[in-house]
Amino acid sequence: MRFIRIWLIAAMLAASLSACASQPEDDESAYGSQEISDPLEPLNRTVFDINLLLDDFLIRPIAEPYNELMPDFIKDIITNIIRLGDAPISMANAILQGDIDAMENITARLLINLTLGLGVFDIAADSGYPYRSEDFGQTLAVWGVDPGFYLVLPILGPSSARDASGKVVDIFFDPLTYLGGFELAGIDGKYDEARTASLAKTIANGIDIRARNIESVDDLRRDSVDFYARVRSLWYQNRLSEIRNGEPGDDPLPDFPDEFLDDPEDLEDEDEMLETESSEGTDQSPSP
């Protein structure tokens, strides 16, 4: 069991670090200099450094041979199976968000990939139903809950006060939680089966994500003056993109006092005055 826990730690760290390697398109134009509050920065930096050490000595040595030796189509199958298992979590949160498009997309993906895809191939993506993930942290954001402060969780990596609580709720949306009975609810059953299945999915997902992002993480780490600050910024921008489903934010323009808002007729008069002054200035020649 101790061996499984070590693999679980590696998987969670891999997923958390690799999640920051994917930067949303046009992030600078879409989000500007938006940053999340980080009042716990000294503590977060310490946890961040510990996570990096674990990544260097535990995760990367596993992810590299996996990436080099595992055929691409096998890695794709693993990814598709994991995403299929996470579909109930996304569906539950899409319902709570009232997102009709997401519900239709997730339902179509389930039906297509379970039938035509035999549960292992992502036929739905080629049919116009791309993969999208929803979680309870996003649901809270849709409900208007602020992210709170930035957190770097041991093993789990970048998060926020809102998203950390969302991770707990998502456990109850995962069907694997109830596999063989749910002992925590007082129901007799084989709780070890549920825990083993959940661990297996988490390990496979973490290693697969880290292996696919080895070069991206390396480039990000090498090119960053302050890797911690860079990861924090990219994570928050990526999180905003997930909440907005990839759409740019509708940030309102600042409110200006009435005296700064000119009437269109006034603007026309001002233009005429400027043209008159400009023509007068050009007509005047300098005195000898």
C-alpha atoms as a PDB file:
ATOM      1  CA  MET A   1       0.000   0.000   0.000  1.00  0.00           C
ATOM      2  CA  ARG A   2       2.932   2.305   0.658  1.00  0.00           C
ATOM      3  CA  PHE A   3       4.072   1.809  -2.944  1.00  0.00           C
ATOM      4  CA  ILE A   4       0.641   2.881  -4.209  1.00  0.00           C
ATOM      5  CA  ARG A   5       0.751   6.014  -2.076  1.00  0.00           C
ATOM      6  CA  ILE A   6       4.140   6.954  -3.546  1.00  0.00           C
ATOM      7  CA  TRP A   7       2.732   6.592  -7.050  1.00  0.00           C
ATOM      8  CA  LEU A   8      -0.292   8.641  -6.048  1.00  0.00           C
ATOM      9  CA  ILE A   9       1.949  11.467  -4.834  1.00  0.00           C
ATOM     10  CA  ALA A  10       3.876  11.353  -8.101  1.00  0.00           C
ATOM     11  CA  ALA A  11       0.707  11.426 -10.173  1.00  0.00           C
ATOM     12  CA  MET A  12      -0.812  14.405  -8.371  1.00  0.00           C
ATOM     13  CA  LEU A  13       2.409  16.388  -8.613  1.00  0.00           C
ATOM     14  CA  ALA A  14       2.712  15.588 -12.303  1.00  0.00           C
ATOM     15  CA  ALA A  15      -0.804  16.754 -13.057  1.00  0.00           C
ATOM     16  CA  SER A  16      -0.479  19.947 -11.013  1.00  0.00           C
ATOM     17  CA  LEU A  17       2.836  21.007 -12.577  1.00  0.00           C
ATOM     18  CA  SER A  18       1.827  20.138 -16.130  1.00  0.00           C
ATOM     19  CA  ALA A  19      -1.441  22.037 -15.820  1.00  0.00           C
ATOM     20  CA  CYS A  20       0.542  25.267 -15.693  1.00  0.00           C
ATOM     21  CA  ALA A  21       2.468  24.469 -18.869  1.00  0.00           C
ATOM     22  CA  SER A  22      -0.612  25.017 -21.045  1.00  0.00           C
ATOM     23  CA  GLN A  23      -1.119  28.715 -21.601  1.00  0.00           C
ATOM     24  CA  PRO A  24      -4.429  29.964 -23.034  1.00  0.00           C
ATOM     25  CA  GLU A  25      -4.232  31.646 -26.426  1.00  0.00           C
ATOM     26  CA  ASP A  26      -3.997  35.435 -26.425  1.00  0.00           C
ATOM     27  CA  ASP A  27      -3.709  35.424 -22.663  1.00  0.00           C
ATOM     28  CA  GLU A  28      -2.052  38.824 -22.494  1.00  0.00           C
ATOM     29  CA  SER A  29      -4.686  40.533 -24.611  1.00  0.00           C
ATOM     30  CA  ALA A  30      -7.563  38.712 -22.962  1.00  0.00           C
ATOM     31  CA  TYR A  31      -6.594  39.063 -19.334  1.00  0.00           C
ATOM     32  CA  GLY A  32      -4.034  41.822 -19.178  1.00  0.00           C
ATOM     33  CA  SER A  33      -2.193  41.959 -15.872  1.00  0.00           C
ATOM     34  CA  GLN A  34      -4.834  40.214 -13.796  1.00  0.00           C
ATOM     35  CA  GLU A  35      -3.256  38.452 -10.836  1.00  0.00           C
ATOM     36  CA  ILE A  36      -4.622  36.495  -7.921  1.00  0.00           C
ATOM     37  CA  SER A  37      -3.983  37.647  -4.360  1.00  0.00           C
ATOM     38  CA  ASP A  38      -1.075  35.826  -2.731  1.00  0.00           C
ATOM     39  CA  PRO A  39      -0.889  36.815   0.961  1.00  0.00           C
ATOM     40  CA  LEU A  40       0.702  33.452   1.843  1.00  0.00           C
ATOM     41  CA  GLU A  41       3.548  33.810  -0.661  1.00  0.00           C
ATOM     42  CA  PRO A  42       6.427  32.864   1.693  1.00  0.00           C
ATOM     43  CA  LEU A  43       4.663  29.650   2.711  1.00  0.00           C
ATOM     44  CA  ASN A  44       3.518  28.979  -0.848  1.00  0.00           C
ATOM     45  CA  ARG A  45       7.054  29.351  -2.164  1.00  0.00           C
ATOM     46  CA  THR A  46       8.317  26.806   0.354  1.00  0.00           C
ATOM     47  CA  VAL A  47       5.669  24.267  -0.635  1.00  0.00           C
ATOM     48  CA  PHE A  48       6.355  25.040  -4.302  1.00  0.00           C
ATOM     49  CA  ASP A  49      10.066  24.293  -3.900  1.00  0.00           C
ATOM     50  CA  ILE A  50       9.305  20.997  -2.144  1.00  0.00           C
ATOM     51  CA  ASN A  51       6.963  20.025  -4.962  1.00  0.00           C
ATOM     52  CA  LEU A  52       9.688  20.818  -7.508  1.00  0.00           C
ATOM     53  CA  LEU A  53      12.151  18.585  -5.685  1.00  0.00           C
ATOM     54  CA  LEU A  54       9.655  15.740  -5.721  1.00  0.00           C
ATOM     55  CA  ASP A  55       9.099  16.334  -9.418  1.00  0.00           C
ATOM     56  CA  ASP A  56      12.840  16.209 -10.139  1.00  0.00           C
ATOM     57  CA  PHE A  57      13.528  13.039  -8.188  1.00  0.00           C
ATOM     58  CA  LEU A  58      10.263  11.106  -8.435  1.00  0.00           C
ATOM     59  CA  ILE A  59       8.009  12.198 -11.284  1.00  0.00           C
ATOM     60  CA  ARG A  60      10.332  13.022 -14.171  1.00  0.00           C
ATOM     61  CA  PRO A  61      12.252   9.696 -13.907  1.00  0.00           C
ATOM     62  CA  ILE A  62       8.886   7.947 -14.363  1.00  0.00           C
ATOM     63  CA  ALA A  63       7.414  10.232 -17.017  1.00  0.00           C
ATOM     64  CA  GLU A  64      10.438  10.214 -19.343  1.00  0.00           C
ATOM     65  CA  PRO A  65      10.565   6.454 -20.047  1.00  0.00           C
ATOM     66  CA  TYR A  66       6.764   6.392 -20.233  1.00  0.00           C
ATOM     67  CA  ASN A  67       6.856   9.071 -22.915  1.00  0.00           C
ATOM     68  CA  GLU A  68       9.684   7.441 -24.870  1.00  0.00           C
ATOM     69  CA  LEU A  69       8.644   3.785 -24.674  1.00  0.00           C
ATOM     70  CA  MET A  70       4.845   3.967 -24.740  1.00  0.00           C
ATOM     71  CA  PRO A  71       3.362   4.142 -28.275  1.00  0.00           C
ATOM     72  CA  ASP A  72       1.335   7.269 -28.956  1.00  0.00           C
ATOM     73  CA  PHE A  73      -1.870   5.369 -29.659  1.00  0.00           C
ATOM     74  CA  ILE A  74      -1.625   3.617 -26.287  1.00  0.00           C
ATOM     75  CA  LYS A  75      -1.142   6.966 -24.556  1.00  0.00           C
ATOM     76  CA  ASP A  76      -4.177   8.293 -26.415  1.00  0.00           C
ATOM     77  CA  ILE A  77      -6.252   5.326 -25.273  1.00  0.00           C
ATOM     78  CA  ILE A  78      -5.215   5.914 -21.660  1.00  0.00           C
ATOM     79  CA  THR A  79      -6.141   9.587 -21.939  1.00  0.00           C
ATOM     80  CA  ASN A  80      -9.522   8.765 -23.488  1.00  0.00           C
ATOM     81  CA  ILE A  81     -10.393   6.215 -20.813  1.00  0.00           C
ATOM     82  CA  ILE A  82      -9.527   8.681 -18.043  1.00  0.00           C
ATOM     83  CA  ARG A  83     -11.599  11.435 -19.659  1.00  0.00           C
ATOM     84  CA  LEU A  84     -14.508   9.046 -20.060  1.00  0.00           C
ATOM     85  CA  GLY A  85     -14.318   8.234 -16.355  1.00  0.00           C
ATOM     86  CA  ASP A  86     -14.343  11.933 -15.470  1.00  0.00           C
ATOM     87  CA  ALA A  87     -17.415  12.657 -17.599  1.00  0.00           C
ATOM     88  CA  PRO A  88     -19.904  12.209 -14.693  1.00  0.00           C
ATOM     89  CA  ILE A  89     -18.018  14.856 -12.699  1.00  0.00           C
ATOM     90  CA  SER A  90     -18.166  17.283 -15.610  1.00  0.00           C
ATOM     91  CA  MET A  91     -21.834  16.480 -16.225  1.00  0.00           C
ATOM     92  CA  ALA A  92     -22.808  17.104 -12.604  1.00  0.00           C
ATOM     93  CA  ASN A  93     -21.071  20.473 -12.610  1.00  0.00           C
ATOM     94  CA  ALA A  94     -22.490  21.454 -16.013  1.00  0.00           C
ATOM     95  CA  ILE A  95     -25.970  20.825 -14.598  1.00  0.00           C
ATOM     96  CA  LEU A  96     -25.225  22.901 -11.505  1.00  0.00           C
ATOM     97  CA  GLN A  97     -23.926  25.712 -13.727  1.00  0.00           C
ATOM     98  CA  GLY A  98     -26.974  25.546 -15.968  1.00  0.00           C
ATOM     99  CA  ASP A  99     -24.639  25.218 -18.968  1.00  0.00           C
ATOM    100  CA  ILE A 100     -26.826  23.658 -21.678  1.00  0.00           C
ATOM    101  CA  ASP A 101     -24.036  23.597 -24.271  1.00  0.00           C
ATOM    102  CA  ALA A 102     -21.736  21.731 -21.901  1.00  0.00           C
ATOM    103  CA  MET A 103     -24.444  19.211 -21.022  1.00  0.00           C
ATOM    104  CA  GLU A 104     -25.127  18.516 -24.699  1.00  0.00           C
ATOM    105  CA  ASN A 105     -21.406  18.217 -25.444  1.00  0.00           C
ATOM    106  CA  ILE A 106     -20.693  15.826 -22.566  1.00  0.00           C
ATOM    107  CA  THR A 107     -23.754  13.677 -23.330  1.00  0.00           C
ATOM    108  CA  ALA A 108     -22.833  13.428 -27.007  1.00  0.00           C
ATOM    109  CA  ARG A 109     -19.252  12.504 -26.158  1.00  0.00           C
ATOM    110  CA  LEU A 110     -20.399   9.759 -23.799  1.00  0.00           C
ATOM    111  CA  LEU A 111     -22.799   8.234 -26.313  1.00  0.00           C
ATOM    112  CA  ILE A 112     -20.403   8.409 -29.259  1.00  0.00           C
ATOM    113  CA  ASN A 113     -17.269   7.247 -27.454  1.00  0.00           C
ATOM    114  CA  LEU A 114     -19.014   4.434 -25.571  1.00  0.00           C
ATOM    115  CA  THR A 115     -20.520   3.059 -28.783  1.00  0.00           C
ATOM    116  CA  LEU A 116     -18.511   3.980 -31.862  1.00  0.00           C
ATOM    117  CA  GLY A 117     -15.357   4.560 -29.825  1.00  0.00           C
ATOM    118  CA  LEU A 118     -15.720   1.304 -27.873  1.00  0.00           C
ATOM    119  CA  GLY A 119     -14.858   3.254 -24.738  1.00  0.00           C
ATOM    120  CA  VAL A 120     -11.221   3.747 -25.751  1.00  0.00           C
ATOM    121  CA  PHE A 121     -11.206   5.957 -28.863  1.00  0.00           C
ATOM    122  CA  ASP A 122     -12.192   9.635 -28.956  1.00  0.00           C
ATOM    123  CA  ILE A 123     -14.453   9.527 -32.017  1.00  0.00           C
ATOM    124  CA  ALA A 124     -16.543  12.392 -30.615  1.00  0.00           C
ATOM    125  CA  ALA A 125     -13.731  14.941 -30.990  1.00  0.00           C
ATOM    126  CA  ASP A 126     -13.580  14.267 -34.732  1.00  0.00           C
ATOM    127  CA  SER A 127     -17.381  14.581 -34.877  1.00  0.00           C
ATOM    128  CA  GLY A 128     -17.449  18.147 -33.582  1.00  0.00           C
ATOM    129  CA  TYR A 129     -17.637  17.454 -29.838  1.00  0.00           C
ATOM    130  CA  PRO A 130     -14.271  18.462 -28.326  1.00  0.00           C
ATOM    131  CA  TYR A 131     -13.303  17.480 -24.817  1.00  0.00           C
ATOM    132  CA  ARG A 132     -14.150  19.931 -22.060  1.00  0.00           C
ATOM    133  CA  SER A 133     -13.839  19.560 -18.326  1.00  0.00           C
ATOM    134  CA  GLU A 134     -15.999  21.075 -15.608  1.00  0.00           C
ATOM    135  CA  ASP A 135     -15.355  20.954 -11.875  1.00  0.00           C
ATOM    136  CA  PHE A 136     -16.943  22.357  -8.750  1.00  0.00           C
ATOM    137  CA  GLY A 137     -14.376  25.136  -8.521  1.00  0.00           C
ATOM    138  CA  GLN A 138     -15.670  26.383 -11.867  1.00  0.00           C
ATOM    139  CA  THR A 139     -19.238  25.935 -10.628  1.00  0.00           C
ATOM    140  CA  LEU A 140     -18.532  28.139  -7.618  1.00  0.00           C
ATOM    141  CA  ALA A 141     -17.031  30.751  -9.938  1.00  0.00           C
ATOM    142  CA  VAL A 142     -20.165  30.703 -12.103  1.00  0.00           C
ATOM    143  CA  TRP A 143     -22.209  31.187  -8.932  1.00  0.00           C
ATOM    144  CA  GLY A 144     -20.201  34.329  -8.207  1.00  0.00           C
ATOM    145  CA  VAL A 145     -17.778  33.036  -5.573  1.00  0.00           C
ATOM    146  CA  ASP A 146     -14.436  34.868  -5.674  1.00  0.00           C
ATOM    147  CA  PRO A 147     -11.261  32.767  -5.962  1.00  0.00           C
ATOM    148  CA  GLY A 148      -9.986  34.030  -2.642  1.00  0.00           C
ATOM    149  CA  PHE A 149      -6.239  33.775  -2.142  1.00  0.00           C
ATOM    150  CA  TYR A 150      -3.669  31.727  -4.015  1.00  0.00           C
ATOM    151  CA  LEU A 151      -2.604  28.400  -2.535  1.00  0.00           C
ATOM    152  CA  VAL A 152       0.154  25.966  -3.397  1.00  0.00           C
ATOM    153  CA  LEU A 153      -1.025  22.667  -1.992  1.00  0.00           C
ATOM    154  CA  PRO A 154       1.408  19.902  -1.062  1.00  0.00           C
ATOM    155  CA  ILE A 155       1.426  17.386  -3.921  1.00  0.00           C
ATOM    156  CA  LEU A 156      -1.676  18.920  -5.558  1.00  0.00           C
ATOM    157  CA  GLY A 157       0.107  22.116  -6.597  1.00  0.00           C
ATOM    158  CA  PRO A 158      -1.427  25.493  -7.601  1.00  0.00           C
ATOM    159  CA  SER A 159      -4.952  26.188  -6.406  1.00  0.00           C
ATOM    160  CA  SER A 160      -7.061  28.793  -4.632  1.00  0.00           C
ATOM    161  CA  ALA A 161      -9.250  28.876  -1.560  1.00  0.00           C
ATOM    162  CA  ARG A 162     -12.310  28.378  -3.785  1.00  0.00           C
ATOM    163  CA  ASP A 163     -10.860  25.625  -5.962  1.00  0.00           C
ATOM    164  CA  ALA A 164      -9.397  23.698  -3.047  1.00  0.00           C
ATOM    165  CA  SER A 165     -12.854  23.334  -1.524  1.00  0.00           C
ATOM    166  CA  GLY A 166     -14.202  22.396  -4.957  1.00  0.00           C
ATOM    167  CA  LYS A 167     -11.829  19.430  -5.163  1.00  0.00           C
ATOM    168  CA  VAL A 168     -13.466  17.933  -2.068  1.00  0.00           C
ATOM    169  CA  VAL A 169     -16.969  18.215  -3.541  1.00  0.00           C
ATOM    170  CA  ASP A 170     -15.905  16.616  -6.823  1.00  0.00           C
ATOM    171  CA  ILE A 171     -14.993  13.460  -4.918  1.00  0.00           C
ATOM    172  CA  PHE A 172     -18.691  12.881  -4.311  1.00  0.00           C
ATOM    173  CA  PHE A 173     -19.462  13.333  -8.026  1.00  0.00           C
ATOM    174  CA  ASP A 174     -16.991  10.608  -9.013  1.00  0.00           C
ATOM    175  CA  PRO A 175     -18.695   7.205  -9.518  1.00  0.00           C
ATOM    176  CA  LEU A 176     -15.475   5.463  -8.477  1.00  0.00           C
ATOM    177  CA  THR A 177     -16.040   6.826  -4.990  1.00  0.00           C
ATOM    178  CA  TYR A 178     -19.009   4.480  -4.654  1.00  0.00           C
ATOM    179  CA  LEU A 179     -17.490   1.437  -6.306  1.00  0.00           C
ATOM    180  CA  GLY A 180     -18.194  -1.600  -4.116  1.00  0.00           C
ATOM    181  CA  GLY A 181     -20.091   0.483  -1.576  1.00  0.00           C
ATOM    182  CA  PHE A 182     -19.211   3.663   0.254  1.00  0.00           C
ATOM    183  CA  GLU A 183     -17.847   2.842   3.658  1.00  0.00           C
ATOM    184  CA  LEU A 184     -17.650   6.490   4.761  1.00  0.00           C
ATOM    185  CA  ALA A 185     -21.418   6.730   4.424  1.00  0.00           C
ATOM    186  CA  GLY A 186     -21.920   3.771   6.710  1.00  0.00           C
ATOM    187  CA  ILE A 187     -22.792   1.378   3.880  1.00  0.00           C
ATOM    188  CA  ASP A 188     -21.211  -2.041   3.990  1.00  0.00           C
ATOM    189  CA  GLY A 189     -19.030  -2.751   0.998  1.00  0.00           C
ATOM    190  CA  LYS A 190     -15.526  -3.155  -0.292  1.00  0.00           C
ATOM    191  CA  TYR A 191     -14.115   0.292   0.214  1.00  0.00           C
ATOM    192  CA  ASP A 192     -10.649  -0.900  -0.814  1.00  0.00           C
ATOM    193  CA  GLU A 193     -11.937  -1.558  -4.328  1.00  0.00           C
ATOM    194  CA  ALA A 194     -13.168   1.993  -4.668  1.00  0.00           C
ATOM    195  CA  ARG A 195      -9.940   3.403  -3.319  1.00  0.00           C
ATOM    196  CA  THR A 196      -7.794   1.214  -5.576  1.00  0.00           C
ATOM    197  CA  ALA A 197      -9.765   2.162  -8.691  1.00  0.00           C
ATOM    198  CA  SER A 198      -9.598   5.851  -7.820  1.00  0.00           C
ATOM    199  CA  LEU A 199      -5.863   5.639  -7.142  1.00  0.00           C
ATOM    200  CA  ALA A 200      -5.266   3.825 -10.419  1.00  0.00           C
ATOM    201  CA  LYS A 201      -7.080   6.533 -12.375  1.00  0.00           C
ATOM    202  CA  THR A 202      -5.225   9.325 -10.565  1.00  0.00           C
ATOM    203  CA  ILE A 203      -1.830   7.694 -11.106  1.00  0.00           C
ATOM    204  CA  ALA A 204      -2.447   7.024 -14.781  1.00  0.00           C
ATOM    205  CA  ASN A 205      -3.742  10.550 -15.365  1.00  0.00           C
ATOM    206  CA  GLY A 206      -0.872  12.252 -13.551  1.00  0.00           C
ATOM    207  CA  ILE A 207       1.899  10.320 -15.277  1.00  0.00           C
ATOM    208  CA  ASP A 208       0.243  10.676 -18.677  1.00  0.00           C
ATOM    209  CA  ILE A 209      -0.140  14.467 -18.330  1.00  0.00           C
ATOM    210  CA  ARG A 210       3.420  14.946 -17.060  1.00  0.00           C
ATOM    211  CA  ALA A 211       4.859  12.824 -19.863  1.00  0.00           C
ATOM    212  CA  ARG A 212       3.040  14.879 -22.505  1.00  0.00           C
ATOM    213  CA  ASN A 213       4.365  18.140 -21.045  1.00  0.00           C
ATOM    214  CA  ILE A 214       8.005  17.350 -20.331  1.00  0.00           C
ATOM    215  CA  GLU A 215       9.391  19.798 -22.884  1.00  0.00           C
ATOM    216  CA  SER A 216       6.807  22.484 -22.106  1.00  0.00           C
ATOM    217  CA  VAL A 217       7.608  22.435 -18.392  1.00  0.00           C
ATOM    218  CA  ASP A 218      11.347  22.391 -19.083  1.00  0.00           C
ATOM    219  CA  ASP A 219      11.081  25.409 -21.410  1.00  0.00           C
ATOM    220  CA  LEU A 220       8.912  27.280 -18.933  1.00  0.00           C
ATOM    221  CA  ARG A 221      11.296  26.595 -16.091  1.00  0.00           C
ATOM    222  CA  ARG A 222      14.382  27.541 -18.105  1.00  0.00           C
ATOM    223  CA  ASP A 223      12.977  30.781 -19.526  1.00  0.00           C
ATOM    224  CA  SER A 224      11.425  32.105 -16.310  1.00  0.00           C
ATOM    225  CA  VAL A 225      13.261  34.640 -14.170  1.00  0.00           C
ATOM    226  CA  ASP A 226      10.919  33.811 -11.290  1.00  0.00           C
ATOM    227  CA  PHE A 227       9.466  30.353 -11.947  1.00  0.00           C
ATOM    228  CA  TYR A 228       7.095  30.566  -8.976  1.00  0.00           C
ATOM    229  CA  ALA A 229       5.572  33.852 -10.139  1.00  0.00           C
ATOM    230  CA  ARG A 230       5.355  32.601 -13.711  1.00  0.00           C
ATOM    231  CA  VAL A 231       3.526  29.429 -12.697  1.00  0.00           C
ATOM    232  CA  ARG A 232       1.159  31.409 -10.495  1.00  0.00           C
ATOM    233  CA  SER A 233       0.334  33.784 -13.340  1.00  0.00           C
ATOM    234  CA  LEU A 234      -0.115  31.053 -15.955  1.00  0.00           C
ATOM    235  CA  TRP A 235      -2.200  28.931 -13.620  1.00  0.00           C
ATOM    236  CA  TYR A 236      -4.552  31.811 -12.881  1.00  0.00           C
ATOM    237  CA  GLN A 237      -4.886  32.794 -16.537  1.00  0.00           C
ATOM    238  CA  ASN A 238      -5.546  29.184 -17.483  1.00  0.00           C
ATOM    239  CA  ARG A 239      -8.099  28.928 -14.701  1.00  0.00           C
ATOM    240  CA  LEU A 240      -9.895  32.039 -15.934  1.00  0.00           C
ATOM    241  CA  SER A 241      -9.959  30.548 -19.413  1.00  0.00           C
ATOM    242  CA  GLU A 242     -11.502  27.328 -18.087  1.00  0.00           C
ATOM    243  CA  ILE A 243     -14.176  29.226 -16.161  1.00  0.00           C
ATOM    244  CA  ARG A 244     -15.017  31.324 -19.221  1.00  0.00           C
ATOM    245  CA  ASN A 245     -14.911  28.249 -21.476  1.00  0.00           C
ATOM    246  CA  GLY A 246     -12.182  29.860 -23.541  1.00  0.00           C
ATOM    247  CA  GLU A 247     -14.085  33.080 -24.139  1.00  0.00           C
ATOM    248  CA  PRO A 248     -12.404  36.469 -23.482  1.00  0.00           C
ATOM    249  CA  GLY A 249     -13.501  38.246 -20.332  1.00  0.00           C
ATOM    250  CA  ASP A 250     -16.104  40.971 -20.484  1.00  0.00           C
ATOM    251  CA  ASP A 251     -14.209  43.416 -18.333  1.00  0.00           C
ATOM    252  CA  PRO A 252     -16.148  46.724 -18.237  1.00  0.00           C
ATOM    253  CA  LEU A 253     -14.502  49.998 -19.134  1.00  0.00           C
ATOM    254  CA  PRO A 254     -13.903  52.382 -16.245  1.00  0.00           C
ATOM    255  CA  ASP A 255     -16.666  54.806 -15.356  1.00  0.00           C
ATOM    256  CA  PHE A 256     -15.805  58.403 -16.279  1.00  0.00           C
ATOM    257  CA  PRO A 257     -17.407  61.449 -14.635  1.00  0.00           C
ATOM    258  CA  ASP A 258     -20.027  63.225 -16.723  1.00  0.00           C
ATOM    259  CA  GLU A 259     -17.767  66.202 -17.299  1.00  0.00           C
ATOM    260  CA  PHE A 260     -15.378  63.981 -19.268  1.00  0.00           C
ATOM    261  CA  LEU A 261     -18.122  62.716 -21.559  1.00  0.00           C
ATOM    262  CA  ASP A 262     -18.390  65.153 -24.470  1.00  0.00           C
ATOM    263  CA  ASP A 263     -21.502  65.645 -26.513  1.00  0.00           C
ATOM    264  CA  PRO A 264     -20.959  64.710 -30.193  1.00  0.00           C
ATOM    265  CA  GLU A 265     -21.954  68.241 -31.294  1.00  0.00           C
ATOM    266  CA  ASP A 266     -19.381  69.713 -28.919  1.00  0.00           C
ATOM    267  CA  LEU A 267     -16.741  67.444 -30.407  1.00  0.00           C
ATOM    268  CA  GLU A 268     -17.592  68.667 -33.912  1.00  0.00           C
ATOM    269  CA  ASP A 269     -17.266  72.306 -32.786  1.00  0.00           C
ATOM    270  CA  GLU A 270     -13.899  71.545 -31.204  1.00  0.00           C
ATOM    271  CA  ASP A 271     -12.687  69.921 -34.432  1.00  0.00           C
ATOM    272  CA  GLU A 272     -13.668  73.018 -36.415  1.00  0.00           C
ATOM    273  CA  MET A 273     -11.818  75.257 -33.954  1.00  0.00           C
ATOM    274  CA  LEU A 274      -8.688  73.104 -34.198  1.00  0.00           C
ATOM    275  CA  GLU A 275      -8.793  73.194 -37.995  1.00  0.00           C
ATOM    276  CA  THR A 276      -9.176  76.989 -37.949  1.00  0.00           C
ATOM    277  CA  GLU A 277      -6.258  77.444 -35.548  1.00  0.00           C
ATOM    278  CA  SER A 278      -4.130  75.084 -37.604  1.00  0.00           C
ATOM    279  CA  SER A 279      -4.798  76.972 -40.866  1.00  0.00           C
ATOM    280  CA  GLU A 280      -4.112  80.320 -39.216  1.00  0.00           C
ATOM    281  CA  GLY A 281      -0.841  79.027 -37.848  1.00  0.00           C
ATOM    282  CA  THR A 282       0.372  77.862 -41.240  1.00  0.00           C
ATOM    283  CA  ASP A 283      -0.556  81.151 -42.907  1.00  0.00           C
ATOM    284  CA  GLN A 284       1.558  83.189 -40.517  1.00  0.00           C
ATOM    285  CA  SER A 285       5.176  83.432 -41.575  1.00  0.00           C
ATOM    286  CA  PRO A 286       7.989  84.087 -39.090  1.00  0.00           C
ATOM    287  CA  SER A 287       9.187  87.639 -38.858  1.00  0.00           C
ATOM    288  CA  PRO A 288      12.684  88.359 -40.323  1.00  0.00           C
END
